[in-house]
Amino acid sequence: MGQASLTGYQIRRRLHFRLLKWRTDRNRDTVVRHLDLLALALERHGWRCVKTYCPEVVPVRTPLLRVYGAGGVVITLNVMAVPGGRWAFHEAPRGRGGFLCHCGGDTKYAAQVIDRFLQDRSR
């Protein structure tokens, strides 16, 4: 037998995800700043990054960073708001299920985590 109405938990959960999406869309400059810092750190590790959030390159709604590596490895990353007022790097095609690591003051750590992820994917 199916449910006729949403429970309080389901309503709170839907509102919570809409709030996170709103925060992500509203703070585009924060998202772009995190992606710029990550691109610089990943290029130091030898990955090639293409910024698809520059309006002069490709006009897109969601800022994305494409990372290319040896062996045809390609990954598309984005930054999304997460609970607690924080930000996190996600694998874009998987959405919130593609969480990789938090964006914080330590961009080197985030680059190491994503570098390991890319190396594992290339094997």
C-alpha atoms as a PDB file:
ATOM      1  CA  MET A   1       0.000   0.000   0.000  1.00  0.00           C
ATOM      2  CA  GLY A   2       1.460   3.403  -0.998  1.00  0.00           C
ATOM      3  CA  GLN A   3       1.758   6.537   1.015  1.00  0.00           C
ATOM      4  CA  ALA A   4      -0.909   9.147   0.511  1.00  0.00           C
ATOM      5  CA  SER A   5       1.068  12.082   1.888  1.00  0.00           C
ATOM      6  CA  LEU A   6       4.568  13.137   2.766  1.00  0.00           C
ATOM      7  CA  THR A   7       5.774  12.656   6.301  1.00  0.00           C
ATOM      8  CA  GLY A   8       7.376  15.457   8.275  1.00  0.00           C
ATOM      9  CA  TYR A   9      10.789  13.862   7.729  1.00  0.00           C
ATOM     10  CA  GLN A  10      10.342  13.754   3.961  1.00  0.00           C
ATOM     11  CA  ILE A  11       9.239  17.388   3.870  1.00  0.00           C
ATOM     12  CA  ARG A  12      12.223  18.517   5.971  1.00  0.00           C
ATOM     13  CA  ARG A  13      14.598  16.506   3.789  1.00  0.00           C
ATOM     14  CA  ARG A  14      13.257  17.996   0.559  1.00  0.00           C
ATOM     15  CA  LEU A  15      13.443  21.510   1.982  1.00  0.00           C
ATOM     16  CA  HIS A  16      16.987  20.864   3.197  1.00  0.00           C
ATOM     17  CA  PHE A  17      18.162  19.785  -0.272  1.00  0.00           C
ATOM     18  CA  ARG A  18      16.425  22.749  -1.896  1.00  0.00           C
ATOM     19  CA  LEU A  19      18.172  25.077   0.545  1.00  0.00           C
ATOM     20  CA  LEU A  20      21.550  23.530  -0.325  1.00  0.00           C
ATOM     21  CA  LYS A  21      20.822  23.862  -4.050  1.00  0.00           C
ATOM     22  CA  TRP A  22      19.771  27.480  -3.546  1.00  0.00           C
ATOM     23  CA  ARG A  23      22.990  28.195  -1.606  1.00  0.00           C
ATOM     24  CA  THR A  24      25.060  26.629  -4.389  1.00  0.00           C
ATOM     25  CA  ASP A  25      23.310  28.601  -7.139  1.00  0.00           C
ATOM     26  CA  ARG A  26      23.380  31.866  -5.171  1.00  0.00           C
ATOM     27  CA  ASN A  27      27.110  31.787  -4.359  1.00  0.00           C
ATOM     28  CA  ARG A  28      28.570  31.249  -7.816  1.00  0.00           C
ATOM     29  CA  ASP A  29      31.662  33.343  -7.004  1.00  0.00           C
ATOM     30  CA  THR A  30      32.513  31.034  -4.079  1.00  0.00           C
ATOM     31  CA  VAL A  31      32.102  27.968  -6.283  1.00  0.00           C
ATOM     32  CA  VAL A  32      34.327  29.456  -8.997  1.00  0.00           C
ATOM     33  CA  ARG A  33      36.989  30.436  -6.443  1.00  0.00           C
ATOM     34  CA  HIS A  34      37.153  26.875  -5.070  1.00  0.00           C
ATOM     35  CA  LEU A  35      37.374  25.423  -8.589  1.00  0.00           C
ATOM     36  CA  ASP A  36      40.139  27.879  -9.567  1.00  0.00           C
ATOM     37  CA  LEU A  37      42.221  26.936  -6.534  1.00  0.00           C
ATOM     38  CA  LEU A  38      41.690  23.231  -7.208  1.00  0.00           C
ATOM     39  CA  ALA A  39      42.643  23.638 -10.889  1.00  0.00           C
ATOM     40  CA  LEU A  40      45.952  25.257  -9.931  1.00  0.00           C
ATOM     41  CA  ALA A  41      46.712  22.512  -7.394  1.00  0.00           C
ATOM     42  CA  LEU A  42      45.820  19.697  -9.823  1.00  0.00           C
ATOM     43  CA  GLU A  43      47.947  21.212 -12.595  1.00  0.00           C
ATOM     44  CA  ARG A  44      50.918  21.015 -10.212  1.00  0.00           C
ATOM     45  CA  HIS A  45      50.201  17.267  -9.963  1.00  0.00           C
ATOM     46  CA  GLY A  46      50.369  16.958 -13.762  1.00  0.00           C
ATOM     47  CA  TRP A  47      46.662  16.941 -14.654  1.00  0.00           C
ATOM     48  CA  ARG A  48      45.265  19.146 -17.412  1.00  0.00           C
ATOM     49  CA  CYS A  49      42.239  21.199 -16.350  1.00  0.00           C
ATOM     50  CA  VAL A  50      39.636  22.905 -18.515  1.00  0.00           C
ATOM     51  CA  LYS A  51      37.468  25.517 -16.825  1.00  0.00           C
ATOM     52  CA  THR A  52      34.002  25.362 -18.365  1.00  0.00           C
ATOM     53  CA  TYR A  53      32.619  28.101 -16.156  1.00  0.00           C
ATOM     54  CA  CYS A  54      34.175  31.022 -17.986  1.00  0.00           C
ATOM     55  CA  PRO A  55      31.377  32.706 -19.972  1.00  0.00           C
ATOM     56  CA  GLU A  56      33.772  33.519 -22.807  1.00  0.00           C
ATOM     57  CA  VAL A  57      34.586  29.798 -23.222  1.00  0.00           C
ATOM     58  CA  VAL A  58      31.252  28.062 -22.684  1.00  0.00           C
ATOM     59  CA  PRO A  59      28.175  29.650 -21.093  1.00  0.00           C
ATOM     60  CA  VAL A  60      26.932  27.117 -18.525  1.00  0.00           C
ATOM     61  CA  ARG A  61      24.632  27.400 -15.560  1.00  0.00           C
ATOM     62  CA  THR A  62      26.631  25.148 -13.250  1.00  0.00           C
ATOM     63  CA  PRO A  63      30.378  25.831 -13.004  1.00  0.00           C
ATOM     64  CA  LEU A  64      32.263  22.670 -13.937  1.00  0.00           C
ATOM     65  CA  LEU A  65      35.944  21.741 -14.021  1.00  0.00           C
ATOM     66  CA  ARG A  66      37.000  19.009 -16.454  1.00  0.00           C
ATOM     67  CA  VAL A  67      40.214  17.219 -15.539  1.00  0.00           C
ATOM     68  CA  TYR A  68      42.104  15.217 -18.176  1.00  0.00           C
ATOM     69  CA  GLY A  69      44.878  12.758 -17.496  1.00  0.00           C
ATOM     70  CA  ALA A  70      47.015  10.127 -19.136  1.00  0.00           C
ATOM     71  CA  GLY A  71      45.257   7.106 -20.550  1.00  0.00           C
ATOM     72  CA  GLY A  72      42.098   9.006 -21.476  1.00  0.00           C
ATOM     73  CA  VAL A  73      40.950   9.591 -17.910  1.00  0.00           C
ATOM     74  CA  VAL A  74      38.394  12.385 -17.784  1.00  0.00           C
ATOM     75  CA  ILE A  75      36.458  13.566 -14.768  1.00  0.00           C
ATOM     76  CA  THR A  76      34.054  16.458 -14.381  1.00  0.00           C
ATOM     77  CA  LEU A  77      34.007  18.159 -10.983  1.00  0.00           C
ATOM     78  CA  ASN A  78      31.751  20.719  -9.386  1.00  0.00           C
ATOM     79  CA  VAL A  79      31.400  22.367  -5.988  1.00  0.00           C
ATOM     80  CA  MET A  80      28.198  22.066  -4.004  1.00  0.00           C
ATOM     81  CA  ALA A  81      27.012  23.405  -0.684  1.00  0.00           C
ATOM     82  CA  VAL A  82      26.877  20.797   2.077  1.00  0.00           C
ATOM     83  CA  PRO A  83      25.318  20.951   5.552  1.00  0.00           C
ATOM     84  CA  GLY A  84      27.020  23.013   8.211  1.00  0.00           C
ATOM     85  CA  GLY A  85      27.764  25.985   5.947  1.00  0.00           C
ATOM     86  CA  ARG A  86      30.561  24.118   4.182  1.00  0.00           C
ATOM     87  CA  TRP A  87      31.402  23.397   0.550  1.00  0.00           C
ATOM     88  CA  ALA A  88      32.555  20.160  -1.070  1.00  0.00           C
ATOM     89  CA  PHE A  89      33.947  18.866  -4.353  1.00  0.00           C
ATOM     90  CA  HIS A  90      31.684  16.385  -6.135  1.00  0.00           C
ATOM     91  CA  GLU A  91      31.908  14.292  -9.254  1.00  0.00           C
ATOM     92  CA  ALA A  92      29.392  16.208 -11.381  1.00  0.00           C
ATOM     93  CA  PRO A  93      27.540  13.349 -13.141  1.00  0.00           C
ATOM     94  CA  ARG A  94      26.811  11.654  -9.812  1.00  0.00           C
ATOM     95  CA  GLY A  95      25.550  14.804  -8.068  1.00  0.00           C
ATOM     96  CA  ARG A  96      25.460  14.653  -4.273  1.00  0.00           C
ATOM     97  CA  GLY A  97      26.328  10.951  -4.447  1.00  0.00           C
ATOM     98  CA  GLY A  98      29.674  11.817  -6.009  1.00  0.00           C
ATOM     99  CA  PHE A  99      31.170  13.456  -2.900  1.00  0.00           C
ATOM    100  CA  LEU A 100      34.980  13.528  -3.043  1.00  0.00           C
ATOM    101  CA  CYS A 101      36.174  15.865  -0.284  1.00  0.00           C
ATOM    102  CA  HIS A 102      35.417  19.112   1.514  1.00  0.00           C
ATOM    103  CA  CYS A 103      36.615  22.458   0.221  1.00  0.00           C
ATOM    104  CA  GLY A 104      38.463  24.047   3.036  1.00  0.00           C
ATOM    105  CA  GLY A 105      41.507  26.083   3.737  1.00  0.00           C
ATOM    106  CA  ASP A 106      43.724  23.166   2.686  1.00  0.00           C
ATOM    107  CA  THR A 107      43.537  22.980  -1.107  1.00  0.00           C
ATOM    108  CA  LYS A 108      46.662  20.805  -1.212  1.00  0.00           C
ATOM    109  CA  TYR A 109      44.845  18.060   0.697  1.00  0.00           C
ATOM    110  CA  ALA A 110      41.824  18.251  -1.627  1.00  0.00           C
ATOM    111  CA  ALA A 111      44.140  18.030  -4.651  1.00  0.00           C
ATOM    112  CA  GLN A 112      45.851  14.964  -3.160  1.00  0.00           C
ATOM    113  CA  VAL A 113      42.511  13.238  -2.557  1.00  0.00           C
ATOM    114  CA  ILE A 114      41.306  13.950  -6.082  1.00  0.00           C
ATOM    115  CA  ASP A 115      44.715  13.010  -7.537  1.00  0.00           C
ATOM    116  CA  ARG A 116      44.504   9.601  -5.796  1.00  0.00           C
ATOM    117  CA  PHE A 117      40.934   9.193  -7.050  1.00  0.00           C
ATOM    118  CA  LEU A 118      42.031   9.927 -10.624  1.00  0.00           C
ATOM    119  CA  GLN A 119      45.019   7.596 -10.401  1.00  0.00           C
ATOM    120  CA  ASP A 120      42.798   4.770  -9.141  1.00  0.00           C
ATOM    121  CA  ARG A 121      40.353   5.413 -11.960  1.00  0.00           C
ATOM    122  CA  SER A 122      43.125   5.274 -14.576  1.00  0.00           C
ATOM    123  CA  ARG A 123      44.131   1.746 -13.535  1.00  0.00           C
END
